[in-house]
Amino acid sequence: MRADVRPRFGSRPTVRNAHQRLAAGLERGLDLTALLFFPLFVLAPRGIAPLASAAGLFAGGLIVSRSPRAVLCTRLAIPAAVLGALMTWAVFSAVWSINPLRSLAEAARIIGLSVAGLAMTAAVDHVRAPRRLASCLLVGFALAVAMAILDFASHGALSRPFSTRLYQPAWLNQASVAFAILVLPTGAYLIASGRKWTGVLFASVVAATVVALAGTAAKAALAAGIAVAVLCYFRRARSAQVAATLSVLVIVSAPLSFARLDRVSELVATADAIKLSAGHRLLIWSFVGDRIAEHPLRGWGFNSSRLIPGGGDPIRPGETWLPLHPHNAPLQLWLELGVPGAVLFALLTAYLWLALARTGWARLYAAAAGAGLATVLVASCATYGIWQEWWLGTLWFSLFVIQVMVGVPTADVEIG
C-alpha cells in the first residue's frame, strides 16, 4: 500500500513542472509567430491566416496551462458578446443567402478565426516574457522592411517564387498596410523603453518605406493615423470619444455617403486621373448602394458579395460592377447583413475607441495605439473585404502585440 501511495505525494510538483514547461513552450510558440508575422507579408500574405490561427492555439493553450479558471476573460465580455451577436446573425442570414452553404461554411471559418483572436487577446495577461515577444516582433519587422525594399527594387525577386501570377508592385500592398498599422505602436514602444532615437529612426524608415511602396490606401491610412496620434497625445479621452462618434456615423450612414460619391460632379473623373482603381471603386460603391436599397433590413446573406446579381456585368474594359467585394467594410456589412450587421459593427468600433479613452496606458503609447486603430478603419473603408481571413488575422494579431508591448516595463518617456 505504501509503495502505491508514495508516487502520489510526488506527483503534484511533477505535474506543476510539466505545466510550467508546457506554458513556456507555448509562449515561445507565440514568440515565433511574432517573428514570422511581418516577413510573411512580403513572401506570402495569405499565410497570415494560418499564422494567426496557430497563435490562437498557442494562446489558448497558454491560458489553460497557466490559469485554467481564466479561460473566460471578463474584460472581453462586451466585445465578445457583440462579436458573438454579429456572427450569430451571419449564420442566421444563410436562411435567405444566395448560396446558403457557402454562407455557413464561411461563417464557420470566421468564427474559428475570431475564437483564435479572442484567445490571443485573453492570453496577453499570461505572457511572462513580453519583452522577448516584442523583440521578436521588432526583429521580424526590421527584416520585413528590408525584404520589402529589396523585393520592390528587384521587381519581385523574393516574392515571385511564392506566387504563380505575374509580378506587380501591388503585391506589397498588404505588407505596406501592415507596416502602417504597427509603425507608430512599435516606434512608441522603443521610445518608451528608453531607446528614443532608435524608435524615431525606426518609425521614420518604416513610414518612408510605406510612402515609397505602391499602396495608396496605406499612405492615406498612415497619414490619418499620424493625425489621430497627435490629437490623442494631447487630448486622448476627448479625441477617442469624438472618433467613436464619427466612426458610428460613418458606418451607419455608409449607404447615403460612400454609395453616393459618384454623383458628385466630376469626382469619378478626378479619381480616375489620380488612380484608375479609385474611380472604379466609386462606381462599385454606387452599385452596392443600389443593392443595399433592395434589402436594407436583412441584407443579401453573409459573404454573398461576389454572387450579387449584376455584379459581374462590365462597366468599362476590364472592370465589373462588383469584383469579389465592395472594398469598403461598412458597405459590405450593410450589403450582406443589413441593419443588424451595420449596427453591431458600429458598436464594436465604438467600444474600441471608448476603451482607448479609458485606458491607463502612457499617453505616448495610447496615442500610437489610437493611430493604429485609425489606420485600420481608414484602410477598411477603401481596400480589402472585411471577411478576408488574412485581413482578420492581421487585425487580431496587431491587437494582440499592441497589448503585449504595453505590458513591458518602460521608462514612460514623454515627448515635449
Protein backbone atom coordinates (compact mmCIF):
# COMPACT_ATOMS: atom_id res chain seq x y z
CA MET A 1 0.00 0.00 0.00
CA ARG A 2 2.71 2.46 0.97
CA ALA A 3 4.61 1.77 -2.22
CA ASP A 4 1.47 2.69 -4.13
CA VAL A 5 0.91 5.87 -2.14
CA ARG A 6 4.38 7.41 -2.40
CA PRO A 7 4.23 8.39 -6.09
CA ARG A 8 1.04 10.32 -5.40
CA PHE A 9 2.80 12.65 -2.94
CA GLY A 10 5.45 13.44 -5.55
CA SER A 11 3.01 13.81 -8.43
CA ARG A 12 1.81 17.34 -7.79
CA PRO A 13 5.20 19.06 -8.18
CA THR A 14 5.85 16.89 -11.22
CA VAL A 15 2.52 17.89 -12.80
CA ARG A 16 3.15 21.52 -11.92
CA ASN A 17 6.59 21.43 -13.52
CA ALA A 18 5.13 19.80 -16.62
CA HIS A 19 2.53 22.59 -16.87
CA GLN A 20 5.26 25.20 -16.48
CA ARG A 21 7.36 23.62 -19.23
CA LEU A 22 4.31 23.38 -21.47
CA ALA A 23 3.43 27.04 -20.83
CA ALA A 24 7.00 28.11 -21.57
CA GLY A 25 6.96 26.18 -24.83
CA LEU A 26 3.62 27.68 -25.85
CA GLU A 27 4.86 31.18 -25.10
CA ARG A 28 7.90 30.55 -27.29
CA GLY A 29 5.46 29.48 -29.98
CA LEU A 30 3.87 32.93 -29.71
CA ASP A 31 7.35 34.46 -29.96
CA LEU A 32 7.88 32.55 -33.20
CA THR A 33 4.61 33.79 -34.69
CA ALA A 34 5.64 37.36 -33.79
CA LEU A 35 8.98 36.85 -35.54
CA LEU A 36 7.33 35.49 -38.71
CA PHE A 37 4.39 37.92 -38.84
CA PHE A 38 5.89 40.71 -40.96
CA PRO A 39 8.17 38.64 -43.23
CA LEU A 40 5.13 36.58 -44.27
CA PHE A 41 3.53 39.74 -45.65
CA VAL A 42 6.36 40.09 -48.11
CA LEU A 43 6.57 36.45 -49.17
CA ALA A 44 3.05 35.03 -48.81
CA PRO A 45 0.42 37.36 -47.25
CA ARG A 46 -2.26 34.67 -47.25
CA GLY A 47 -0.12 32.81 -44.75
CA ILE A 48 -1.18 35.34 -42.11
CA ALA A 49 -4.48 33.48 -41.56
CA PRO A 50 -2.86 30.16 -40.57
CA LEU A 51 -0.23 32.09 -38.59
CA ALA A 52 -2.96 33.83 -36.59
CA SER A 53 -4.76 30.51 -36.11
CA ALA A 54 -1.55 28.96 -34.78
CA ALA A 55 -1.07 31.93 -32.46
CA GLY A 56 -4.63 31.43 -31.22
CA LEU A 57 -3.88 27.78 -30.42
CA PHE A 58 -0.68 28.72 -28.60
CA ALA A 59 -2.56 31.43 -26.70
CA GLY A 60 -5.43 29.15 -25.72
CA GLY A 61 -3.00 26.51 -24.52
CA LEU A 62 -1.06 29.13 -22.58
CA ILE A 63 -4.18 30.25 -20.74
CA VAL A 64 -5.23 26.71 -19.85
CA SER A 65 -1.75 25.68 -18.72
CA ARG A 66 -1.21 28.74 -16.52
CA SER A 67 -4.68 29.57 -15.27
CA PRO A 68 -7.49 27.19 -16.31
CA ARG A 69 -10.07 29.26 -14.45
CA ALA A 70 -9.21 32.33 -16.54
CA VAL A 71 -10.39 30.85 -19.83
CA LEU A 72 -13.38 33.18 -19.67
CA CYS A 73 -11.79 36.64 -19.54
CA THR A 74 -14.24 39.13 -18.02
CA ARG A 75 -12.61 42.16 -19.65
CA LEU A 76 -13.53 40.68 -23.04
CA ALA A 77 -17.17 40.10 -22.12
CA ILE A 78 -18.60 43.09 -24.00
CA PRO A 79 -16.64 42.83 -27.28
CA ALA A 80 -17.05 39.04 -27.26
CA ALA A 81 -20.81 39.44 -26.82
CA VAL A 82 -21.07 41.95 -29.67
CA LEU A 83 -18.89 39.82 -31.92
CA GLY A 84 -20.91 36.74 -30.95
CA ALA A 85 -24.14 38.51 -31.87
CA LEU A 86 -22.66 39.56 -35.22
CA MET A 87 -21.57 36.04 -36.09
CA THR A 88 -24.89 34.59 -34.90
CA TRP A 89 -26.68 36.93 -37.30
CA ALA A 90 -24.20 35.95 -40.02
CA VAL A 91 -25.08 32.27 -39.54
CA PHE A 92 -28.82 33.03 -39.47
CA SER A 93 -28.51 35.03 -42.70
CA ALA A 94 -27.79 31.76 -44.53
CA VAL A 95 -31.58 31.24 -44.48
CA TRP A 96 -32.03 33.84 -47.24
CA SER A 97 -28.50 33.89 -48.65
CA ILE A 98 -27.93 33.46 -52.38
CA ASN A 99 -25.70 30.49 -51.55
CA PRO A 100 -26.65 29.19 -48.06
CA LEU A 101 -23.96 26.50 -47.87
CA ARG A 102 -21.24 28.97 -48.77
CA SER A 103 -22.51 31.43 -46.16
CA LEU A 104 -22.48 28.74 -43.47
CA ALA A 105 -19.03 27.48 -44.43
CA GLU A 106 -17.53 30.96 -44.50
CA ALA A 107 -19.21 31.86 -41.20
CA ALA A 108 -17.72 28.77 -39.58
CA ARG A 109 -14.23 29.77 -40.74
CA ILE A 110 -14.60 33.33 -39.50
CA ILE A 111 -15.97 32.14 -36.16
CA GLY A 112 -12.94 29.88 -35.76
CA LEU A 113 -10.58 32.75 -36.54
CA SER A 114 -12.49 35.01 -34.13
CA VAL A 115 -12.12 32.45 -31.35
CA ALA A 116 -8.38 32.36 -32.05
CA GLY A 117 -8.30 36.16 -31.91
CA LEU A 118 -10.16 36.30 -28.61
CA ALA A 119 -7.77 33.68 -27.22
CA MET A 120 -4.80 35.85 -28.21
CA THR A 121 -6.35 38.88 -26.55
CA ALA A 122 -7.15 36.93 -23.39
CA ALA A 123 -3.62 35.50 -23.27
CA VAL A 124 -1.99 38.93 -23.00
CA ASP A 125 -2.19 38.74 -19.20
CA HIS A 126 -0.43 35.35 -19.22
CA VAL A 127 2.63 36.28 -21.28
CA ARG A 128 5.53 36.13 -18.79
CA ALA A 129 8.18 37.49 -21.16
CA PRO A 130 6.52 40.35 -23.09
CA ARG A 131 9.88 41.99 -23.81
CA ARG A 132 11.08 38.86 -25.60
CA LEU A 133 7.92 38.68 -27.72
CA ALA A 134 8.20 42.39 -28.54
CA SER A 135 11.84 41.89 -29.53
CA CYS A 136 10.84 39.05 -31.85
CA LEU A 137 8.24 41.28 -33.46
CA LEU A 138 10.75 44.11 -33.95
CA VAL A 139 13.37 41.80 -35.47
CA GLY A 140 10.77 40.44 -37.90
CA PHE A 141 9.56 43.98 -38.64
CA ALA A 142 13.04 45.24 -39.48
CA LEU A 143 13.74 42.17 -41.59
CA ALA A 144 10.44 42.57 -43.47
CA VAL A 145 11.11 46.24 -44.26
CA ALA A 146 14.48 45.28 -45.76
CA MET A 147 12.83 42.44 -47.67
CA ALA A 148 10.08 44.73 -48.99
CA ILE A 149 12.60 47.30 -50.22
CA LEU A 150 14.66 44.56 -51.93
CA ASP A 151 11.57 42.93 -53.45
CA PHE A 152 10.26 46.25 -54.74
CA ALA A 153 13.64 47.25 -56.18
CA SER A 154 14.18 43.84 -57.81
CA HIS A 155 10.64 43.54 -59.21
CA GLY A 156 9.69 40.57 -57.07
CA ALA A 157 12.92 38.60 -56.74
CA LEU A 158 11.94 37.47 -53.24
CA SER A 159 8.18 37.03 -53.58
CA ARG A 160 7.98 35.69 -57.15
CA PRO A 161 8.76 32.06 -56.16
CA PHE A 162 5.74 32.11 -53.84
CA SER A 163 3.22 33.20 -56.49
CA THR A 164 2.08 31.97 -59.89
CA ARG A 165 0.99 35.45 -61.01
CA LEU A 166 2.98 37.99 -62.98
CA TYR A 167 4.77 40.41 -60.67
CA GLN A 168 3.09 43.72 -59.87
CA PRO A 169 4.18 46.39 -57.38
CA ALA A 170 0.72 45.98 -55.79
CA TRP A 171 1.91 42.63 -54.40
CA LEU A 172 3.34 44.58 -51.47
CA ASN A 173 0.14 46.49 -50.71
CA GLN A 174 -0.77 44.13 -47.88
CA ALA A 175 2.70 44.50 -46.39
CA SER A 176 2.52 48.29 -46.60
CA VAL A 177 -0.85 48.33 -44.79
CA ALA A 178 0.53 46.09 -42.04
CA PHE A 179 3.57 48.37 -41.72
CA ALA A 180 1.27 51.40 -41.45
CA ILE A 181 -0.85 49.82 -38.71
CA LEU A 182 2.04 48.97 -36.39
CA VAL A 183 4.73 51.54 -37.22
CA LEU A 184 3.70 54.02 -34.53
CA PRO A 185 2.98 51.45 -31.77
CA THR A 186 6.39 49.82 -32.29
CA GLY A 187 8.11 53.19 -32.50
CA ALA A 188 6.37 54.29 -29.30
CA TYR A 189 7.43 51.06 -27.61
CA LEU A 190 11.08 51.69 -28.47
CA ILE A 191 10.88 55.31 -27.28
CA ALA A 192 9.10 54.39 -24.05
CA SER A 193 11.71 51.68 -23.45
CA GLY A 194 14.38 54.36 -23.31
CA ARG A 195 15.59 53.97 -26.91
CA LYS A 196 14.28 57.31 -28.09
CA TRP A 197 16.40 57.87 -31.19
CA THR A 198 16.18 54.23 -32.21
CA GLY A 199 12.40 54.49 -32.06
CA VAL A 200 12.33 57.73 -34.03
CA LEU A 201 14.70 56.34 -36.67
CA PHE A 202 12.82 53.05 -36.94
CA ALA A 203 9.43 54.75 -37.32
CA SER A 204 10.87 57.17 -39.90
CA VAL A 205 12.35 54.37 -42.01
CA VAL A 206 9.13 52.34 -41.91
CA ALA A 207 7.00 55.39 -42.76
CA ALA A 208 9.31 56.24 -45.66
CA THR A 209 9.01 52.65 -46.88
CA VAL A 210 5.21 52.88 -46.82
CA VAL A 211 5.40 56.09 -48.85
CA ALA A 212 7.83 54.51 -51.34
CA LEU A 213 5.71 51.40 -51.94
CA ALA A 214 2.79 51.39 -54.36
CA GLY A 215 -0.10 51.09 -51.88
CA THR A 216 -2.14 54.29 -52.00
CA ALA A 217 -4.55 53.18 -49.27
CA ALA A 218 -1.66 52.50 -46.88
CA LYS A 219 -0.31 56.03 -47.43
CA ALA A 220 -3.71 57.63 -46.78
CA ALA A 221 -4.35 55.42 -43.76
CA LEU A 222 -0.93 56.20 -42.28
CA ALA A 223 -1.49 59.94 -42.74
CA ALA A 224 -4.82 59.64 -40.91
CA GLY A 225 -3.16 57.59 -38.19
CA ILE A 226 -0.47 60.21 -37.60
CA ALA A 227 -3.10 62.94 -37.32
CA VAL A 228 -5.09 60.91 -34.79
CA ALA A 229 -1.91 60.16 -32.83
CA VAL A 230 -1.24 63.88 -32.39
CA LEU A 231 -4.81 64.51 -31.25
CA CYS A 232 -4.80 61.56 -28.85
CA TYR A 233 -1.44 62.55 -27.40
CA PHE A 234 -2.76 65.90 -26.22
CA ARG A 235 -6.47 65.10 -25.73
CA ARG A 236 -6.78 61.33 -25.52
CA ALA A 237 -10.20 60.92 -23.92
CA ARG A 238 -11.88 63.67 -25.90
CA SER A 239 -10.30 62.64 -29.21
CA ALA A 240 -11.22 58.99 -28.71
CA GLN A 241 -14.81 59.91 -27.83
CA VAL A 242 -15.13 62.07 -30.94
CA ALA A 243 -13.58 59.28 -33.03
CA ALA A 244 -16.11 56.82 -31.61
CA THR A 245 -18.98 59.10 -32.58
CA LEU A 246 -17.60 59.75 -36.06
CA SER A 247 -16.98 56.03 -36.63
CA VAL A 248 -20.58 55.20 -35.77
CA LEU A 249 -21.85 57.94 -38.08
CA VAL A 250 -19.62 56.80 -40.96
CA ILE A 251 -20.73 53.17 -40.64
CA VAL A 252 -24.44 53.86 -40.17
CA SER A 253 -24.60 56.42 -42.99
CA ALA A 254 -22.45 54.46 -45.47
CA PRO A 255 -25.30 53.77 -47.97
CA LEU A 256 -26.00 57.51 -48.10
CA SER A 257 -22.40 58.69 -48.20
CA PHE A 258 -19.89 56.31 -49.80
CA ALA A 259 -22.53 54.93 -52.16
CA ARG A 260 -23.42 58.38 -53.47
CA LEU A 261 -19.97 59.84 -54.06
CA ASP A 262 -20.15 59.01 -57.77
CA ARG A 263 -22.94 61.58 -58.09
CA VAL A 264 -20.62 64.43 -57.11
CA SER A 265 -19.80 66.33 -60.28
CA GLU A 266 -16.54 65.22 -61.95
CA LEU A 267 -15.47 63.20 -58.88
CA VAL A 268 -15.17 59.92 -60.78
CA ALA A 269 -13.09 61.60 -63.49
CA THR A 270 -10.88 63.22 -60.88
CA ALA A 271 -10.44 59.90 -59.08
CA ASP A 272 -9.56 58.21 -62.38
CA ALA A 273 -6.92 60.85 -63.00
CA ILE A 274 -5.35 60.15 -59.63
CA LYS A 275 -5.57 56.37 -59.89
CA LEU A 276 -7.76 54.32 -62.22
CA SER A 277 -8.83 51.93 -59.48
CA ALA A 278 -10.05 54.89 -57.39
CA GLY A 279 -12.67 55.84 -59.96
CA HIS A 280 -13.67 52.20 -60.33
CA ARG A 281 -14.14 52.00 -56.57
CA LEU A 282 -16.63 54.88 -56.60
CA LEU A 283 -18.66 53.05 -59.25
CA ILE A 284 -18.53 49.84 -57.21
CA TRP A 285 -19.85 51.69 -54.17
CA SER A 286 -22.68 53.17 -56.23
CA PHE A 287 -23.74 49.71 -57.41
CA VAL A 288 -23.53 48.35 -53.85
CA GLY A 289 -25.67 51.22 -52.58
CA ASP A 290 -28.41 50.31 -55.05
CA ARG A 291 -28.30 46.65 -53.98
CA ILE A 292 -28.42 47.63 -50.29
CA ALA A 293 -31.61 49.56 -51.00
CA GLU A 294 -33.23 46.33 -52.20
CA HIS A 295 -32.68 44.51 -48.87
CA PRO A 296 -31.73 47.15 -46.29
CA LEU A 297 -33.02 45.32 -43.21
CA ARG A 298 -31.69 41.79 -43.61
CA GLY A 299 -29.05 42.10 -46.35
CA TRP A 300 -28.24 39.53 -49.02
CA GLY A 301 -26.61 36.97 -46.74
CA PHE A 302 -23.19 36.54 -45.18
CA ASN A 303 -20.23 36.76 -47.59
CA SER A 304 -22.52 36.85 -50.63
CA SER A 305 -20.94 39.93 -52.25
CA ARG A 306 -19.36 38.05 -55.14
CA LEU A 307 -22.72 36.48 -56.02
CA ILE A 308 -24.87 39.64 -56.12
CA PRO A 309 -26.92 39.74 -59.36
CA GLY A 310 -25.35 42.08 -61.88
CA GLY A 311 -22.06 42.27 -60.02
CA GLY A 312 -20.20 40.52 -62.83
CA ASP A 313 -21.55 42.79 -65.57
CA PRO A 314 -18.92 45.01 -67.24
CA ILE A 315 -18.73 48.76 -66.67
CA ARG A 316 -15.58 49.66 -68.58
CA PRO A 317 -12.88 47.48 -70.17
CA GLY A 318 -11.52 45.17 -67.50
CA GLU A 319 -13.91 46.44 -64.82
CA THR A 320 -17.12 44.98 -63.39
CA TRP A 321 -19.70 46.41 -61.02
CA LEU A 322 -18.74 44.25 -58.04
CA PRO A 323 -15.50 42.24 -58.22
CA LEU A 324 -15.45 39.92 -55.18
CA HIS A 325 -16.40 42.50 -52.50
CA PRO A 326 -17.19 46.23 -52.13
CA HIS A 327 -13.67 47.22 -50.95
CA ASN A 328 -15.40 49.04 -48.10
CA ALA A 329 -16.18 47.41 -44.75
CA PRO A 330 -19.26 49.49 -43.79
CA LEU A 331 -20.84 48.94 -47.20
CA GLN A 332 -20.05 45.22 -47.09
CA LEU A 333 -21.72 44.87 -43.67
CA TRP A 334 -24.77 46.71 -44.98
CA LEU A 335 -24.88 44.71 -48.22
CA GLU A 336 -24.58 41.28 -46.61
CA LEU A 337 -26.05 41.66 -43.12
CA GLY A 338 -28.27 44.72 -43.37
CA VAL A 339 -29.14 46.94 -40.41
CA PRO A 340 -28.19 44.43 -37.67
CA GLY A 341 -24.76 43.84 -39.18
CA ALA A 342 -24.03 47.54 -39.60
CA VAL A 343 -25.22 48.42 -36.08
CA LEU A 344 -23.21 45.65 -34.42
CA PHE A 345 -20.10 46.64 -36.38
CA ALA A 346 -20.61 50.26 -35.31
CA LEU A 347 -20.95 49.18 -31.67
CA LEU A 348 -17.77 47.12 -31.82
CA THR A 349 -15.83 50.00 -33.36
CA ALA A 350 -17.16 52.47 -30.80
CA TYR A 351 -16.22 50.10 -27.99
CA LEU A 352 -12.59 50.04 -29.15
CA TRP A 353 -12.37 53.83 -29.21
CA LEU A 354 -14.03 54.21 -25.81
CA ALA A 355 -11.74 51.54 -24.34
CA LEU A 356 -8.80 53.61 -25.58
CA ALA A 357 -10.31 56.69 -23.92
CA ARG A 358 -10.45 54.89 -20.56
CA THR A 359 -7.13 53.08 -20.65
CA GLY A 360 -4.41 53.92 -18.18
CA TRP A 361 -1.62 53.49 -20.75
CA ALA A 362 1.15 56.09 -21.00
CA ARG A 363 -0.07 58.81 -23.32
CA LEU A 364 2.66 58.24 -25.91
CA TYR A 365 1.69 54.61 -26.29
CA ALA A 366 -2.05 55.29 -26.12
CA ALA A 367 -1.65 57.87 -28.90
CA ALA A 368 0.22 55.32 -31.02
CA ALA A 369 -2.47 52.72 -30.39
CA GLY A 370 -5.08 55.26 -31.47
CA ALA A 371 -3.07 55.78 -34.65
CA GLY A 372 -3.13 52.04 -35.29
CA LEU A 373 -6.91 51.90 -34.85
CA ALA A 374 -7.46 54.90 -37.12
CA THR A 375 -5.18 53.35 -39.75
CA VAL A 376 -7.20 50.12 -39.65
CA LEU A 377 -10.52 51.91 -40.04
CA VAL A 378 -9.37 54.12 -42.92
CA ALA A 379 -7.86 51.13 -44.73
CA SER A 380 -11.06 49.14 -44.12
CA CYS A 381 -13.08 51.80 -45.90
CA ALA A 382 -11.05 51.68 -49.08
CA THR A 383 -9.40 48.32 -49.58
CA TYR A 384 -9.97 44.74 -48.54
CA GLY A 385 -13.00 42.58 -47.95
CA ILE A 386 -13.85 42.59 -44.26
CA TRP A 387 -14.07 38.78 -44.17
CA GLN A 388 -10.77 38.06 -45.89
CA GLU A 389 -9.04 35.74 -43.46
CA TRP A 390 -5.56 37.22 -43.85
CA TRP A 391 -7.02 40.66 -43.07
CA LEU A 392 -8.87 39.48 -39.97
CA GLY A 393 -5.75 37.61 -38.88
CA THR A 394 -3.78 40.84 -39.29
CA LEU A 395 -6.24 42.78 -37.14
CA TRP A 396 -6.34 40.20 -34.35
CA PHE A 397 -2.58 39.76 -34.26
CA SER A 398 -2.00 43.52 -34.28
CA LEU A 399 -4.38 43.92 -31.35
CA PHE A 400 -2.50 41.19 -29.51
CA VAL A 401 1.02 42.56 -29.99
CA ILE A 402 -0.02 46.13 -29.18
CA GLN A 403 -1.33 44.96 -25.82
CA VAL A 404 1.75 42.81 -25.19
CA MET A 405 4.11 45.71 -25.87
CA VAL A 406 2.31 47.99 -23.46
CA GLY A 407 2.83 45.37 -20.75
CA VAL A 408 6.62 45.66 -20.98
CA PRO A 409 8.10 47.78 -18.15
CA THR A 410 9.20 51.03 -19.77
CA ALA A 411 10.81 54.33 -18.94
CA ASP A 412 7.44 56.01 -19.65
CA VAL A 413 9.09 58.64 -21.81
CA GLU A 414 7.04 61.71 -22.69
CA ILE A 415 7.64 63.93 -25.70
CA GLY A 416 7.68 67.66 -25.42
